[in-house]
Protein backbone atom coordinates (compact mmCIF):
# COMPACT_ATOMS: atom_id res chain seq x y z
CA MET A 1 54.03 103.66 156.49
CA HIS A 2 56.18 102.35 159.35
CA SER A 3 53.45 100.02 160.60
CA ALA A 4 51.92 99.19 157.22
CA SER A 5 51.75 95.50 156.40
CA PHE A 6 51.08 93.84 153.07
CA ASP A 7 51.09 90.31 151.72
CA TYR A 8 53.72 91.16 149.13
CA VAL A 9 56.20 94.01 148.81
CA VAL A 10 57.56 94.57 145.31
CA VAL A 11 60.77 96.59 145.13
CA GLY A 12 60.85 98.47 141.84
CA GLY A 13 57.87 99.72 139.86
CA GLY A 14 59.57 99.16 136.52
CA THR A 15 58.97 96.92 133.53
CA ALA A 16 58.75 93.71 135.57
CA GLY A 17 57.62 94.98 138.98
CA LEU A 18 54.35 96.50 137.81
CA VAL A 19 53.50 93.32 135.89
CA VAL A 20 53.95 91.21 139.01
CA ALA A 21 51.98 93.64 141.17
CA ALA A 22 49.10 93.89 138.70
CA ARG A 23 48.78 90.12 138.43
CA LEU A 24 48.94 89.55 142.18
CA VAL A 25 46.17 92.05 142.95
CA GLU A 26 43.81 90.20 140.63
CA ASP A 27 42.94 88.44 143.87
CA PRO A 28 41.07 91.11 145.89
CA ASN A 29 42.14 89.44 149.13
CA ILE A 30 45.83 89.98 148.43
CA ARG A 31 47.43 93.31 149.39
CA VAL A 32 50.50 94.45 147.48
CA CYS A 33 52.83 97.39 148.02
CA VAL A 34 55.19 98.63 145.29
CA LEU A 35 58.18 100.78 146.22
CA GLU A 36 59.50 102.95 143.38
CA ALA A 37 62.40 105.37 143.69
CA GLY A 38 61.14 107.62 140.88
CA GLU A 39 57.82 109.27 140.13
CA ASP A 40 55.00 108.68 137.65
CA VAL A 41 55.81 110.50 134.40
CA SER A 42 54.02 108.10 132.09
CA LYS A 43 51.38 110.67 131.12
CA GLU A 44 53.81 113.47 130.33
CA LEU A 45 53.95 114.28 126.62
CA SER A 46 57.67 113.71 126.13
CA PHE A 47 57.39 110.16 127.48
CA MET A 48 54.14 109.33 125.73
CA THR A 49 55.46 110.42 122.34
CA PRO A 50 57.57 107.70 120.67
CA GLY A 51 59.42 110.09 118.38
CA MET A 52 60.78 112.00 121.40
CA ALA A 53 62.42 108.96 123.02
CA PHE A 54 66.02 110.06 122.55
CA GLY A 55 65.38 113.23 124.54
CA ASN A 56 64.39 111.25 127.63
CA LEU A 57 67.82 109.74 128.15
CA GLY A 58 69.99 111.44 130.71
CA GLN A 59 67.15 113.19 132.55
CA PRO A 60 67.78 112.56 136.26
CA LYS A 61 64.11 112.33 137.17
CA VAL A 62 63.66 109.30 134.89
CA ASP A 63 67.16 107.92 134.31
CA TRP A 64 69.54 106.61 136.95
CA GLY A 65 72.28 107.64 134.51
CA ALA A 66 74.68 104.90 135.50
CA LEU A 67 78.33 105.24 134.52
CA THR A 68 80.60 102.23 134.47
CA THR A 69 83.94 102.12 136.17
CA PRO A 70 86.74 103.18 133.78
CA GLN A 71 87.04 100.47 131.12
CA PRO A 72 90.72 99.64 130.51
CA HIS A 73 90.08 98.11 127.07
CA ALA A 74 88.02 101.11 125.93
CA ASN A 75 90.68 103.77 126.44
CA GLY A 76 89.86 104.04 130.12
CA ARG A 77 86.46 105.59 129.43
CA SER A 78 83.44 105.29 131.70
CA ILE A 79 80.45 104.21 129.62
CA TYR A 80 77.02 105.75 130.12
CA SER A 81 74.29 103.18 130.75
CA PRO A 82 70.77 104.58 131.09
CA ARG A 83 68.36 102.80 133.41
CA GLY A 84 64.75 103.81 133.87
CA ARG A 85 63.75 105.50 137.12
CA GLY A 86 60.04 105.99 137.71
CA LEU A 87 56.86 104.01 137.22
CA GLY A 88 57.38 101.86 134.16
CA GLY A 89 61.15 101.88 134.63
CA SER A 90 63.04 101.44 131.39
CA SER A 91 59.80 100.75 129.52
CA THR A 92 59.06 104.47 129.98
CA ILE A 93 62.31 105.70 128.41
CA ASN A 94 63.39 102.91 126.05
CA PHE A 95 63.09 102.74 122.27
CA MET A 96 60.04 100.44 122.50
CA ALA A 97 61.27 97.54 120.30
CA LEU A 98 59.52 94.24 121.03
CA GLY A 99 61.91 91.74 119.49
CA ARG A 100 62.27 88.12 120.50
CA GLY A 101 65.37 85.94 120.52
CA HIS A 102 66.08 82.62 118.85
CA GLU A 103 64.27 79.51 120.09
CA THR A 104 67.59 77.85 120.93
CA GLU A 105 68.60 80.72 123.21
CA TYR A 106 65.48 80.35 125.35
CA ASN A 107 65.85 76.57 125.49
CA VAL A 108 69.32 77.06 126.99
CA PHE A 109 67.70 78.58 130.09
CA GLU A 110 66.31 75.11 130.78
CA SER A 111 69.39 73.13 129.77
CA LEU A 112 71.48 75.24 132.16
CA GLY A 113 69.41 73.87 135.01
CA SER A 114 66.05 75.66 135.21
CA PRO A 115 63.17 73.27 134.38
CA GLY A 116 60.16 74.93 132.77
CA TRP A 117 62.10 77.79 131.20
CA ASN A 118 62.16 77.09 127.46
CA PHE A 119 60.91 78.66 124.26
CA LYS A 120 57.53 76.95 124.39
CA GLU A 121 56.96 78.36 127.87
CA PHE A 122 58.23 81.82 126.91
CA LEU A 123 55.88 81.82 123.93
CA LYS A 124 52.96 81.24 126.27
CA TYR A 125 53.87 84.38 128.21
CA PHE A 126 54.78 86.47 125.18
CA ARG A 127 51.20 85.88 124.09
CA LYS A 128 49.73 86.54 127.52
CA SER A 129 51.46 89.91 127.81
CA GLU A 130 50.50 91.44 124.47
CA THR A 131 47.73 92.44 122.10
CA PHE A 132 48.78 92.48 118.46
CA ALA A 133 46.22 92.88 115.71
CA PRO A 134 47.85 94.33 112.58
CA THR A 135 45.60 95.38 109.73
CA GLU A 136 45.89 93.86 106.27
CA GLU A 137 47.29 97.19 105.07
CA GLU A 138 50.01 97.11 107.75
CA ILE A 139 50.86 93.48 106.96
CA SER A 140 51.28 94.35 103.30
CA ARG A 141 53.14 97.62 103.82
CA GLN A 142 55.61 96.20 106.34
CA GLN A 143 56.00 92.82 104.58
CA ILE A 144 55.24 90.79 107.68
CA ASP A 145 53.50 87.47 108.24
CA PHE A 146 51.09 87.55 111.15
CA ASN A 147 51.07 84.24 113.00
CA GLU A 148 48.15 84.17 115.43
CA ALA A 149 49.71 81.18 117.22
CA THR A 150 52.68 83.25 118.37
CA HIS A 151 51.00 86.56 119.21
CA GLY A 152 48.49 87.53 121.86
CA ASN A 153 45.15 89.19 121.27
CA SER A 154 44.07 90.18 124.79
CA GLY A 155 47.19 91.11 126.77
CA PRO A 156 47.70 94.46 128.52
CA LEU A 157 50.66 95.52 126.36
CA HIS A 158 49.81 96.97 122.97
CA ARG A 159 52.10 95.86 120.16
CA THR A 160 51.86 97.61 116.81
CA ALA A 161 53.68 97.59 113.51
CA PRO A 162 55.68 100.75 112.71
CA ARG A 163 53.49 103.58 111.46
CA TRP A 164 56.27 105.45 109.72
CA ILE A 165 58.70 104.10 107.12
CA THR A 166 61.90 105.79 106.08
CA ASP A 167 62.45 105.91 102.33
CA LEU A 168 65.85 104.34 103.01
CA GLN A 169 64.25 101.09 104.13
CA LYS A 170 63.64 99.70 100.63
CA PRO A 171 67.20 100.23 99.30
CA VAL A 172 68.67 98.89 102.55
CA ILE A 173 66.57 95.74 102.22
CA GLU A 174 67.76 95.36 98.64
CA GLY A 175 71.36 95.92 99.70
CA LEU A 176 71.18 93.32 102.45
CA GLN A 177 69.61 90.84 100.05
CA THR A 178 72.50 91.46 97.65
CA LEU A 179 74.83 90.40 100.49
CA GLY A 180 72.89 87.18 101.05
CA VAL A 181 70.70 88.22 103.99
CA ASN A 182 67.22 86.72 103.72
CA TYR A 183 64.08 88.71 104.47
CA ASN A 184 62.34 87.02 107.40
CA ARG A 185 58.65 87.89 107.37
CA ASP A 186 58.18 86.53 110.90
CA GLY A 187 61.06 87.10 113.34
CA SER A 188 58.91 86.36 116.41
CA SER A 189 58.21 82.64 116.09
CA GLY A 190 61.57 81.22 117.16
CA ASP A 191 63.84 81.97 114.19
CA ASN A 192 65.05 85.56 114.25
CA THR A 193 67.87 85.17 111.74
CA GLY A 194 67.89 87.42 108.70
CA MET A 195 66.22 90.81 108.48
CA TRP A 196 62.76 91.58 109.78
CA ILE A 197 60.47 94.34 110.98
CA SER A 198 60.08 94.61 114.72
CA GLY A 199 56.87 95.50 116.48
CA HIS A 200 56.83 98.30 119.04
CA SER A 201 55.19 98.85 122.42
CA ILE A 202 53.06 101.64 120.99
CA ASP A 203 49.28 101.70 121.17
CA THR A 204 46.88 102.18 118.30
CA ASN A 205 46.72 105.92 119.01
CA GLY A 206 50.45 106.26 118.49
CA ALA A 207 51.40 106.65 122.18
CA ARG A 208 54.06 104.74 124.11
CA CYS A 209 52.75 101.70 125.93
CA SER A 210 54.78 100.97 129.07
CA SER A 211 54.20 98.78 132.10
CA ALA A 212 52.91 101.95 133.79
CA THR A 213 50.22 102.53 131.17
CA ALA A 214 49.48 98.87 130.39
CA TYR A 215 49.58 97.23 133.82
CA TYR A 216 49.46 99.94 136.50
CA GLU A 217 46.97 102.41 135.04
CA PRO A 218 44.06 99.90 134.80
CA ASN A 219 44.71 98.71 138.37
CA LYS A 220 45.76 101.81 140.28
CA SER A 221 42.34 102.41 141.80
CA LYS A 222 42.20 98.96 143.40
CA PRO A 223 42.19 99.26 147.20
CA ASN A 224 44.55 96.28 147.56
CA LEU A 225 47.34 97.94 145.54
CA VAL A 226 49.50 100.66 147.10
CA VAL A 227 52.30 102.27 145.09
CA ILE A 228 54.73 104.53 146.95
CA THR A 229 56.79 106.72 144.65
CA GLY A 230 59.92 108.61 145.63
CA ALA A 231 60.77 105.61 147.82
CA GLN A 232 64.25 104.17 147.30
CA ALA A 233 64.68 100.77 148.93
CA THR A 234 67.75 100.64 151.18
CA ARG A 235 67.71 97.05 152.44
CA ILE A 236 65.59 93.97 152.90
CA LEU A 237 64.54 93.20 156.47
CA PHE A 238 64.69 89.67 157.89
CA ASN A 239 63.32 87.88 160.93
CA ASP A 240 65.78 87.10 163.70
CA GLU A 241 65.01 83.39 163.49
CA LEU A 242 65.47 81.00 160.56
CA ASP A 243 62.61 78.91 159.23
CA THR A 244 62.41 75.14 159.79
CA ASN A 245 64.64 74.54 156.76
CA GLY A 246 67.37 76.81 158.06
CA LYS A 247 66.62 79.64 155.65
CA ILE A 248 66.34 83.33 156.40
CA VAL A 249 62.85 84.84 156.22
CA ALA A 250 62.23 88.27 154.68
CA SER A 251 59.87 90.36 156.79
CA GLY A 252 59.81 93.65 154.89
CA VAL A 253 61.79 96.43 153.27
CA GLU A 254 63.43 99.57 154.57
CA TYR A 255 63.27 102.55 152.24
CA HIS A 256 64.31 106.18 152.01
CA LYS A 257 61.64 108.80 151.30
CA ASP A 258 61.57 112.54 151.94
CA GLY A 259 64.85 112.38 153.82
CA GLN A 260 63.67 109.72 156.26
CA LEU A 261 64.03 105.95 156.59
CA GLN A 262 60.73 104.11 156.73
CA ARG A 263 59.66 100.48 156.74
CA VAL A 264 56.96 98.38 155.18
CA SER A 265 56.19 94.79 156.21
CA ALA A 266 55.59 91.73 154.01
CA LYS A 267 53.57 88.84 155.43
CA LYS A 268 54.24 86.50 152.52
CA GLU A 269 57.10 87.56 150.25
CA VAL A 270 59.46 90.31 149.18
CA ILE A 271 59.98 90.49 145.41
CA LEU A 272 62.96 92.32 143.95
CA SER A 273 62.32 93.89 140.55
CA ALA A 274 64.91 96.64 140.71
CA GLY A 275 66.79 95.64 137.56
CA ALA A 276 70.23 94.27 136.73
CA PHE A 277 72.07 97.10 138.53
CA ARG A 278 69.95 97.79 141.60
CA THR A 279 68.80 94.24 142.43
CA PRO A 280 72.32 92.92 143.19
CA GLN A 281 73.07 96.13 145.07
CA LEU A 282 70.05 95.59 147.33
CA LEU A 283 70.95 91.95 147.90
CA GLU A 284 74.46 92.92 149.00
CA LEU A 285 73.25 95.81 151.17
CA SER A 286 70.97 93.28 152.86
CA GLY A 287 73.75 90.80 153.59
CA ILE A 288 73.32 88.44 150.64
CA GLY A 289 76.32 88.08 148.37
CA GLN A 290 79.99 87.22 148.23
CA LYS A 291 81.34 87.13 151.76
CA SER A 292 84.52 89.10 151.04
CA ILE A 293 82.60 91.95 149.36
CA LEU A 294 80.15 92.23 152.25
CA GLU A 295 82.83 92.11 154.91
CA ALA A 296 84.85 94.80 153.13
CA GLN A 297 81.87 97.12 153.63
CA LYS A 298 81.22 95.85 157.18
CA ILE A 299 77.85 94.39 156.23
CA PRO A 300 76.84 91.34 158.32
CA VAL A 301 76.68 88.23 156.11
CA LYS A 302 73.28 86.55 156.10
CA VAL A 303 73.77 84.35 153.04
CA ASP A 304 77.18 83.78 151.44
CA LEU A 305 76.13 83.75 147.79
CA PRO A 306 79.09 84.42 145.47
CA GLY A 307 76.94 84.61 142.33
CA VAL A 308 75.36 87.94 143.32
CA GLY A 309 76.49 90.72 141.01
CA ILE A 310 78.60 88.62 138.63
CA ASN A 311 77.70 87.49 135.09
CA LEU A 312 76.78 91.03 134.02
CA ARG A 313 75.98 90.87 130.33
CA LYS A 314 74.55 93.44 127.94
CA LEU A 315 72.81 92.86 124.65
CA SER A 316 75.84 94.16 122.91
CA VAL A 317 78.48 96.75 122.61
CA LEU A 318 78.11 99.07 119.71
CA CYS A 319 79.89 101.26 117.25
CA ASP A 320 78.18 102.91 114.33
CA LEU A 321 78.87 103.52 110.69
CA THR A 322 77.40 106.99 110.21
CA ILE A 323 76.63 108.15 106.70
CA THR A 324 75.07 111.09 104.94
CA ASP A 325 72.14 110.29 102.72
CA SER A 326 70.50 112.14 99.87
CA ILE A 327 67.05 110.68 100.49
CA GLN A 328 64.72 112.78 102.60
CA SER A 329 62.55 110.37 104.56
CA GLN A 330 58.97 111.51 104.09
CA LYS A 331 56.76 108.46 103.74
CA SER A 332 54.42 108.58 106.68
CA LYS A 333 51.46 106.76 108.16
CA GLY A 334 50.44 108.53 111.33
CA GLY A 335 53.47 110.81 111.46
CA LYS A 336 57.10 110.40 112.52
CA LEU A 337 56.35 111.17 116.16
CA SER A 338 54.08 108.12 116.42
CA THR A 339 57.00 105.74 115.75
CA PHE A 340 60.54 105.92 117.04
CA PHE A 341 61.99 104.50 113.82
CA SER A 342 60.95 102.00 111.19
CA ALA A 343 62.62 99.09 113.01
CA LEU A 344 64.33 97.13 110.24
CA PHE A 345 66.60 94.76 112.14
CA SER A 346 69.02 92.14 110.89
CA PHE A 347 70.36 89.42 113.17
CA LEU A 348 73.21 87.57 111.54
CA PRO A 349 75.13 84.39 112.39
CA LYS A 350 78.91 84.55 112.01
CA ASN A 351 79.29 83.42 108.39
CA HIS A 352 77.26 86.33 107.07
CA PHE A 353 79.89 88.85 108.12
CA MET A 354 83.04 86.89 108.99
CA SER A 355 85.09 84.23 107.28
CA PRO A 356 83.65 80.72 107.72
CA ASN A 357 87.18 79.71 108.68
CA TYR A 358 87.36 82.13 111.63
CA MET A 359 88.46 80.29 114.75
CA ILE A 360 88.35 81.45 118.35
CA PRO A 361 91.90 81.53 119.75
CA GLN A 362 92.57 78.34 121.70
CA ASP A 363 94.29 80.21 124.52
CA MET A 364 91.57 82.83 124.99
CA ARG A 365 90.59 83.34 128.62
CA THR A 366 87.38 85.10 129.64
CA ASN A 367 85.43 85.92 132.81
CA LEU A 368 82.39 84.09 131.47
CA ASN A 369 80.71 81.28 133.32
CA PRO A 370 82.55 78.25 131.81
CA GLU A 371 79.35 76.51 130.72
CA ILE A 372 77.99 79.66 129.08
CA GLU A 373 81.34 80.26 127.38
CA ALA A 374 81.24 76.74 125.95
CA ILE A 375 77.69 77.31 124.66
CA GLN A 376 78.65 80.56 122.94
CA LYS A 377 81.70 78.95 121.34
CA GLN A 378 79.47 76.19 120.04
CA TRP A 379 76.97 78.73 118.70
CA ILE A 380 79.54 80.79 116.84
CA ALA A 381 81.06 77.67 115.28
CA ALA A 382 77.70 76.19 114.26
CA ASN A 383 76.68 79.41 112.46
CA GLU A 384 73.05 79.17 113.54
CA ILE A 385 72.64 81.74 116.33
CA PRO A 386 72.96 85.46 115.54
CA PHE A 387 76.05 87.19 116.90
CA LEU A 388 75.61 90.49 115.07
CA GLU A 389 72.76 92.97 114.97
CA ILE A 390 72.55 95.44 112.11
CA ALA A 391 69.80 98.05 112.27
CA LEU A 392 68.94 101.11 110.24
CA PHE A 393 68.39 104.31 112.15
CA PRO A 394 67.23 107.30 110.05
CA GLY A 395 69.23 109.91 111.93
CA TYR A 396 72.54 110.57 113.64
CA ILE A 397 73.32 108.44 116.68
CA PRO A 398 75.85 110.46 118.66
CA ALA A 399 79.39 109.11 118.33
CA VAL A 400 82.27 109.60 120.73
CA VAL A 401 84.71 110.66 118.02
CA GLN A 402 82.61 112.85 115.73
CA GLN A 403 79.57 115.11 115.81
CA PRO A 404 77.06 115.94 113.04
CA GLN A 405 77.35 119.00 110.85
CA PRO A 406 74.40 121.40 110.56
CA GLY A 407 72.36 121.20 107.39
CA LYS A 408 73.24 117.61 106.49
CA SER A 409 70.94 114.60 106.46
CA TYR A 410 72.27 111.53 108.24
CA CYS A 411 71.40 107.93 108.87
CA THR A 412 73.22 105.41 111.00
CA ILE A 413 73.92 101.75 110.41
CA PHE A 414 73.75 100.51 113.96
CA ILE A 415 76.24 97.71 114.67
CA ALA A 416 75.81 95.60 117.80
CA LEU A 417 77.28 92.43 119.26
CA SER A 418 74.62 90.05 120.54
CA HIS A 419 76.76 87.54 122.44
CA ALA A 420 79.84 89.21 123.81
CA PHE A 421 82.51 87.03 125.39
CA SER A 422 83.11 89.69 128.02
CA SER A 423 81.37 89.33 131.36
CA GLY A 424 81.28 92.04 134.01
CA SER A 425 79.92 92.71 137.47
CA VAL A 426 77.80 94.99 139.64
CA HIS A 427 78.76 95.34 143.29
CA ILE A 428 78.21 97.81 146.10
CA ALA A 429 80.74 100.61 146.18
CA SER A 430 79.72 101.62 149.70
CA SER A 431 77.51 100.53 152.55
CA ASP A 432 75.58 103.76 151.94
CA PRO A 433 72.45 102.62 150.07
CA LEU A 434 72.14 105.97 148.30
CA THR A 435 75.56 105.56 146.68
CA ALA A 436 75.36 104.08 143.18
CA PRO A 437 76.78 100.57 142.72
CA ALA A 438 80.01 99.97 140.81
CA VAL A 439 79.17 98.74 137.30
CA ASP A 440 81.98 97.09 135.35
CA TYR A 441 81.21 95.70 131.89
CA SER A 442 84.80 94.47 131.32
CA VAL A 443 84.12 95.57 127.77
CA LEU A 444 86.39 94.28 124.97
CA ASP A 445 88.56 92.28 127.35
CA ASN A 446 89.02 89.53 124.75
CA PRO A 447 90.04 89.43 121.07
CA VAL A 448 86.87 87.81 119.73
CA ASP A 449 84.57 90.73 120.58
CA VAL A 450 86.98 93.11 118.83
CA ASP A 451 87.26 90.84 115.79
CA ILE A 452 83.47 90.63 115.47
CA LEU A 453 83.05 94.40 115.58
CA VAL A 454 85.85 95.08 113.09
CA ASN A 455 84.31 92.57 110.69
CA ALA A 456 80.90 94.15 111.31
CA ILE A 457 82.20 97.56 110.21
CA GLU A 458 83.58 95.99 107.05
CA PHE A 459 80.22 94.30 106.43
CA ALA A 460 78.40 97.61 106.86
CA ARG A 461 80.75 99.17 104.31
CA LYS A 462 79.90 96.41 101.86
CA LEU A 463 76.25 97.20 102.42
CA VAL A 464 76.78 100.90 101.67
CA ALA A 465 78.67 99.91 98.50
CA THR A 466 75.81 97.84 97.06
CA GLN A 467 74.10 99.12 93.96
CA SER A 468 70.93 100.16 95.77
CA LEU A 469 72.81 102.34 98.29
CA SER A 470 76.07 103.52 96.74
CA GLY A 471 74.38 106.42 94.95
CA VAL A 472 72.60 107.78 98.03
CA MET A 473 75.02 107.19 100.92
CA GLN A 474 78.48 108.44 101.81
CA GLU A 475 80.41 107.22 104.86
CA VAL A 476 81.25 109.86 107.44
CA CYS A 477 82.28 107.95 110.56
CA PRO A 478 84.73 106.27 110.91
CA GLY A 479 85.49 107.47 107.37
CA PRO A 480 86.38 105.50 104.22
CA ALA A 481 90.10 106.25 104.58
CA MET A 482 90.29 104.09 107.69
CA THR A 483 90.99 100.62 106.29
CA ASP A 484 93.90 99.29 108.35
CA LYS A 485 92.74 96.65 110.83
CA ALA A 486 94.78 98.18 113.65
CA GLU A 487 93.15 101.56 113.02
CA LEU A 488 89.68 99.99 112.99
CA GLU A 489 90.43 98.24 116.27
CA LYS A 490 91.51 101.58 117.70
CA PHE A 491 88.26 103.13 116.46
CA VAL A 492 86.23 100.35 118.09
CA ARG A 493 87.95 100.85 121.45
CA GLY A 494 87.59 104.62 121.26
CA ASN A 495 83.96 104.64 120.15
CA ILE A 496 82.52 101.62 121.93
CA SER A 497 79.34 102.15 123.89
CA THR A 498 76.45 100.02 125.07
CA VAL A 499 73.10 99.07 123.58
CA PHE A 500 71.77 98.87 127.15
CA HIS A 501 69.77 95.72 128.11
CA PRO A 502 71.93 94.52 131.05
CA ILE A 503 71.12 91.09 132.45
CA GLY A 504 72.48 88.23 134.52
CA THR A 505 73.52 89.72 137.88
CA ALA A 506 71.13 87.49 139.87
CA ALA A 507 71.25 84.59 137.45
CA MET A 508 68.76 81.74 137.39
CA LEU A 509 71.28 78.92 137.57
CA PRO A 510 72.09 76.11 139.98
CA LYS A 511 73.91 77.54 142.98
CA SER A 512 76.95 75.41 142.13
CA LYS A 513 77.18 77.17 138.76
CA GLY A 514 77.11 80.68 140.20
CA GLY A 515 73.35 80.99 140.42
CA VAL A 516 71.46 83.39 142.67
CA VAL A 517 67.88 82.20 142.14
CA ASP A 518 66.37 78.80 141.40
CA ALA A 519 63.78 77.98 138.74
CA SER A 520 61.04 79.44 140.96
CA LEU A 521 63.03 82.71 141.06
CA LYS A 522 63.62 82.31 144.79
CA VAL A 523 66.98 83.50 146.16
CA TYR A 524 69.10 80.63 147.46
CA GLY A 525 69.22 80.48 151.25
CA THR A 526 65.97 82.43 151.67
CA ALA A 527 62.45 81.25 152.37
CA ASN A 528 60.46 84.01 150.71
CA LEU A 529 62.67 86.40 148.73
CA ARG A 530 62.40 86.33 144.93
CA VAL A 531 63.91 88.21 142.04
CA VAL A 532 61.71 88.92 139.03
CA ASP A 533 63.51 91.08 136.49
CA ALA A 534 66.19 90.93 133.77
CA SER A 535 68.92 90.11 136.27
CA VAL A 536 67.72 86.48 136.41
CA MET A 537 68.49 85.84 132.72
CA PRO A 538 71.51 83.50 132.72
CA ILE A 539 72.51 84.15 129.12
CA HIS A 540 71.77 86.88 126.64
CA ILE A 541 69.51 86.63 123.64
CA SER A 542 69.92 88.05 120.16
CA ALA A 543 67.18 90.62 120.68
CA HIS A 544 66.33 93.71 122.68
CA ILE A 545 65.02 92.27 125.92
CA GLN A 546 61.83 94.21 126.65
CA ALA A 547 59.41 91.51 125.44
CA THR A 548 61.41 88.85 127.28
CA VAL A 549 61.30 90.79 130.56
CA TYR A 550 57.52 91.09 130.27
CA ALA A 551 57.33 87.33 129.74
CA ILE A 552 59.59 86.63 132.73
CA ALA A 553 57.39 88.85 134.91
CA GLU A 554 54.19 87.19 133.71
CA LYS A 555 55.61 83.72 134.41
CA GLY A 556 57.05 84.87 137.73
CA ALA A 557 53.63 86.11 138.82
CA ASP A 558 52.08 82.77 137.91
CA ILE A 559 54.75 80.91 139.90
CA ILE A 560 54.04 83.05 142.97
CA LYS A 561 50.28 82.62 142.67
CA HIS A 562 50.62 78.86 142.17
CA GLU A 563 52.78 78.45 145.28
CA ARG A 564 50.25 80.43 147.32
CA LYS A 565 47.49 77.92 146.63
């Protein structure tokens, strides 16, 4: 492939990269090459079967298996952070939820300095990406309202309502209602507060629908699309001369395959879709990033861009209240293996689980972008944007401090922080491109995140104590005897993990605010290098990000096609 030349080279055949590639090759005159470090496993049974999703994590052939640097505020532990490796990326190994955030969260993308990135625009691309056509029986059984104006009917990605319902769902709904949580029959139209049933990226036959099956499979026979698997990008190549505006010009990508370095050329653009960990790594390896970091690794500086690799955010950090239950979950429509879990989510603003009088300490200092920190402080005070996710999982989610006992039936009340005040980083640890980057979440480096999680555990205990649940559930972890706040804080630090969904390391912000890409997703200081993946999200949303990443990729593809005209 040394002499191969394409119009576009897409680095990363994951959730976003395959969307961009598929949309670009709609024009038969445009040639696109996709470089993917992993292989195509999308048709293997364990990845097609939703109910087997947990078993896919940690498998080296499909999971980069990232470990953070030791986290000083989490007992010095390194936290496992799975990232998809292979065609489809994380959409091939994730838990398939297709939630959407709050309208206000998407509008902040625009108010932070990116015109054209708002909820109305996201809604357009949510609809373009999906096909959702629930039956009347599904609408009734799952208690959902189907709004045709907010869902697509002809997109590549199949969205379906859960086929299997745990018998615990009804008493949990009743318990949450007892605690004042409203049932939201439509959590996809801009207001995701309350509890609601999420759709999944599962097709009507009960198989996982990923970007590999939805976008690549229908297009893989096109002669103008070339996908090279087992090809790990090592750096972006640039012309020796700047363009007329003084910007560097990407000319191709160097990659490692079968023990050799090879090159592929791009006549128009290089598009990075390697995700929130690998995209900043590639930028830095290519000479784009904070000058001091590049010089420390003896990498020539092409663009001094301090925003690369900072602003690492994750959907949340998590600890779980694990309980035994006396209800055997048997209610089925299509079988348990056709659905990962029944997807009852609750997204709660502060006053649902904390005192209305709770105040953020005046002297608190964080690593957050100051403007984003101010927005989050405003959100938590206004009590409108969800800061806590509560979800029911009918099984045992592995905990750091305790393991399940044979013969017992478990469920987990999944507790997650949507808008952490911690902000981390991803930077190169070596100039060797095959060395994993250093991922630092800076988890729990401030008192507010700890306070939220301690209050969340107490809220989950109130839920278990409601009339509908007290007779069928018994707390196991952390255990009902642990009531002292200091002990709960210790439990949080010892058991904290991640709910995945990293974003922000190539943020779409003005350069003066720490941005890496502009509103057209083009990297500052470059003429033809873009980033199209979750790393461009400047702020997190109160949702699992899969649907949002598909929308970003769809819009990104449209931007690229529009600029080509």
